Amino acid sequence: MRVSFDLDDTLFVNPAKFSTEKALPFPFGKLYRERLRLGTIALFKYLKENGIEAWIYTTSFRSERYIRGLFRCYGIRLCEIVNGERHAREVQKNSGEALPSKYPGKYRIDLHIDDDISVKQNGDTYGFRVLIVGADDGQWTEKIIKRIEEIRAAERRRNHDNRQL
């Protein structure tokens, strides 16, 4: 299973508005100024322990190296990163039609986590799963884990039904 996360206002949050993980110590805190939403470390540990690939899918143009480095400082290893540059190169390409700002289906991502309702609307239109987590969502990690387990249970039922045929 693959789960992707948006960065800005989903995992990277303003400490004045959100509870955050501890700031990184010097010198890393000077290099990586973004703060992770409280619960991110435990959630990514859960994903790893349950064999779930953790991806980042962001419209930002932060480099893959920068994103990987920041998460590594928190002890988090990411499977893949789709940033704005990669999305433009691999998804948008030279397409004449307007495609959504994120298209997790291209990468066989089973669930995308975001704060932007327009991404959810695009998911409904283009056939990919999106779970919205808001600023006031104190149970955001539990909500994500619950949705992951629902998807896995549905997949197990589908596999079981296919074996019965």
Protein backbone atom coordinates (compact mmCIF):
# COMPACT_ATOMS: atom_id res chain seq x y z
CA MET A 1 0.00 0.00 0.00
CA ARG A 2 1.14 3.54 -0.79
CA VAL A 3 0.08 6.66 1.08
CA SER A 4 1.15 10.15 0.05
CA PHE A 5 1.11 13.38 1.98
CA ASP A 6 0.93 17.01 1.03
CA LEU A 7 3.46 19.23 2.79
CA ASP A 8 2.23 22.79 3.29
CA ASP A 9 -0.52 23.05 5.93
CA THR A 10 -0.76 19.25 6.10
CA LEU A 11 2.63 18.08 7.46
CA PHE A 12 4.54 21.40 7.45
CA VAL A 13 2.57 23.67 9.75
CA ASN A 14 2.78 27.02 11.48
CA PRO A 15 3.68 26.49 15.16
CA ALA A 16 1.55 29.51 16.08
CA LYS A 17 -1.54 27.66 14.83
CA PHE A 18 -0.64 23.97 15.28
CA SER A 19 1.04 21.76 17.84
CA THR A 20 4.32 20.64 16.31
CA GLU A 21 7.06 18.10 16.77
CA LYS A 22 10.13 19.44 18.59
CA ALA A 23 12.25 21.88 16.62
CA LEU A 24 15.40 20.41 15.15
CA PRO A 25 18.61 21.17 17.07
CA PHE A 26 21.30 23.47 15.74
CA PRO A 27 22.51 23.47 12.99
CA PHE A 28 19.65 21.50 11.39
CA GLY A 29 17.01 23.89 12.72
CA LYS A 30 18.68 26.71 10.79
CA LEU A 31 18.75 24.71 7.56
CA TYR A 32 15.26 23.21 7.87
CA ARG A 33 12.90 25.87 9.20
CA GLU A 34 9.62 24.05 8.55
CA ARG A 35 7.98 22.37 11.53
CA LEU A 36 6.25 19.00 11.36
CA ARG A 37 2.73 18.67 12.67
CA LEU A 38 2.61 16.89 16.03
CA GLY A 39 1.98 13.19 15.47
CA THR A 40 3.88 12.97 12.18
CA ILE A 41 6.77 10.95 13.62
CA ALA A 42 4.47 8.39 15.28
CA LEU A 43 2.29 8.15 12.16
CA PHE A 44 5.25 7.47 9.88
CA LYS A 45 6.53 4.87 12.35
CA TYR A 46 3.11 3.16 12.15
CA LEU A 47 3.29 3.22 8.34
CA LYS A 48 6.76 1.66 8.32
CA GLU A 49 5.82 -1.03 10.86
CA ASN A 50 2.80 -1.96 8.75
CA GLY A 51 4.63 -2.18 5.44
CA ILE A 52 3.03 0.95 4.01
CA GLU A 53 5.07 3.12 1.64
CA ALA A 54 5.16 6.77 2.73
CA TRP A 55 5.36 9.25 -0.15
CA ILE A 56 5.33 13.03 -0.34
CA TYR A 57 3.24 14.60 -3.10
CA THR A 58 3.47 18.37 -3.09
CA THR A 59 2.99 21.19 -5.55
CA SER A 60 5.94 22.99 -3.96
CA PHE A 61 9.22 23.17 -5.82
CA ARG A 62 11.36 22.28 -2.79
CA SER A 63 14.04 19.88 -3.95
CA GLU A 64 13.82 16.16 -3.27
CA ARG A 65 17.16 16.43 -1.46
CA TYR A 66 15.84 19.15 0.85
CA ILE A 67 12.63 17.23 1.65
CA ARG A 68 14.45 13.94 2.27
CA GLY A 69 17.02 15.70 4.46
CA LEU A 70 14.39 17.35 6.65
CA PHE A 71 12.47 14.12 7.20
CA ARG A 72 15.69 12.17 7.82
CA CYS A 73 16.53 14.60 10.65
CA TYR A 74 13.28 13.45 12.29
CA GLY A 75 14.16 9.78 11.72
CA ILE A 76 11.70 9.37 8.85
CA ARG A 77 12.65 7.64 5.60
CA LEU A 78 10.48 8.46 2.62
CA CYS A 79 9.90 6.05 -0.25
CA GLU A 80 9.31 8.61 -3.00
CA ILE A 81 8.78 12.33 -3.47
CA VAL A 82 6.72 13.99 -6.17
CA ASN A 83 7.34 17.73 -6.09
CA GLY A 84 6.08 20.42 -8.48
CA GLU A 85 8.95 19.86 -10.90
CA ARG A 86 8.46 16.07 -11.08
CA HIS A 87 4.69 16.47 -11.43
CA ALA A 88 5.15 18.89 -14.34
CA ARG A 89 7.65 16.54 -16.03
CA GLU A 90 5.85 13.22 -15.50
CA VAL A 91 2.17 14.07 -15.20
CA GLN A 92 1.51 17.33 -16.98
CA LYS A 93 4.17 16.78 -19.68
CA ASN A 94 3.08 18.48 -22.88
CA SER A 95 -0.59 17.79 -22.26
CA GLY A 96 -2.92 20.30 -23.81
CA GLU A 97 -5.63 19.53 -21.29
CA ALA A 98 -5.58 20.96 -17.80
CA LEU A 99 -4.81 18.17 -15.35
CA PRO A 100 -5.18 18.39 -11.58
CA SER A 101 -2.37 19.88 -9.47
CA LYS A 102 -1.86 16.40 -7.97
CA TYR A 103 -2.58 13.09 -9.65
CA PRO A 104 -1.71 10.24 -7.24
CA GLY A 105 -3.25 7.65 -9.55
CA LYS A 106 -0.30 8.11 -11.92
CA TYR A 107 1.94 6.64 -9.20
CA ARG A 108 -0.49 3.94 -7.99
CA ILE A 109 -0.88 5.75 -4.67
CA ASP A 110 -3.76 4.21 -2.71
CA LEU A 111 -4.52 7.23 -0.51
CA HIS A 112 -3.43 10.86 -0.59
CA ILE A 113 -3.60 13.07 2.53
CA ASP A 114 -4.14 16.80 1.98
CA ASP A 115 -5.68 19.90 3.51
CA ASP A 116 -7.06 21.32 0.25
CA ILE A 117 -10.68 20.48 -0.62
CA SER A 118 -9.98 21.10 -4.32
CA VAL A 119 -7.60 18.12 -4.27
CA LYS A 120 -10.46 16.00 -2.86
CA GLN A 121 -12.75 17.27 -5.63
CA ASN A 122 -10.12 16.34 -8.22
CA GLY A 123 -9.88 12.90 -6.63
CA ASP A 124 -13.63 12.44 -7.03
CA THR A 125 -13.39 13.53 -10.67
CA TYR A 126 -10.23 11.64 -11.66
CA GLY A 127 -10.71 8.53 -9.51
CA PHE A 128 -8.12 8.74 -6.74
CA ARG A 129 -8.67 8.60 -2.97
CA VAL A 130 -8.07 11.73 -0.90
CA LEU A 131 -8.50 12.20 2.82
CA ILE A 132 -8.74 15.79 4.02
CA VAL A 133 -7.19 16.72 7.35
CA GLY A 134 -7.89 20.19 8.62
CA ALA A 135 -6.17 22.59 10.95
CA ASP A 136 -8.64 21.89 13.74
CA ASP A 137 -8.40 18.11 13.39
CA GLY A 138 -6.85 16.97 16.68
CA GLN A 139 -7.43 13.32 15.76
CA TRP A 140 -5.79 13.56 12.35
CA THR A 141 -3.46 10.58 12.75
CA GLU A 142 -6.25 8.32 14.01
CA LYS A 143 -8.41 9.44 11.09
CA ILE A 144 -5.66 8.48 8.62
CA ILE A 145 -5.01 5.10 10.25
CA LYS A 146 -8.75 4.33 10.25
CA ARG A 147 -9.01 5.14 6.53
CA ILE A 148 -5.92 3.03 5.75
CA GLU A 149 -7.43 0.07 7.60
CA GLU A 150 -10.73 0.51 5.74
CA ILE A 151 -8.92 0.43 2.39
CA ARG A 152 -6.87 -2.62 3.41
CA ALA A 153 -9.99 -4.46 4.61
CA ALA A 154 -11.77 -3.72 1.32
CA GLU A 155 -8.73 -4.98 -0.59
CA ARG A 156 -8.65 -8.19 1.47
CA ARG A 157 -12.38 -8.74 0.75
CA ARG A 158 -11.83 -8.12 -2.95
CA ASN A 159 -8.90 -10.57 -3.04
CA HIS A 160 -10.93 -13.16 -1.13
CA ASP A 161 -13.90 -12.77 -3.49
CA ASN A 162 -11.61 -13.12 -6.53
CA ARG A 163 -10.18 -16.37 -5.15
CA GLN A 164 -13.73 -17.70 -4.72
CA LEU A 165 -14.43 -17.26 -8.44
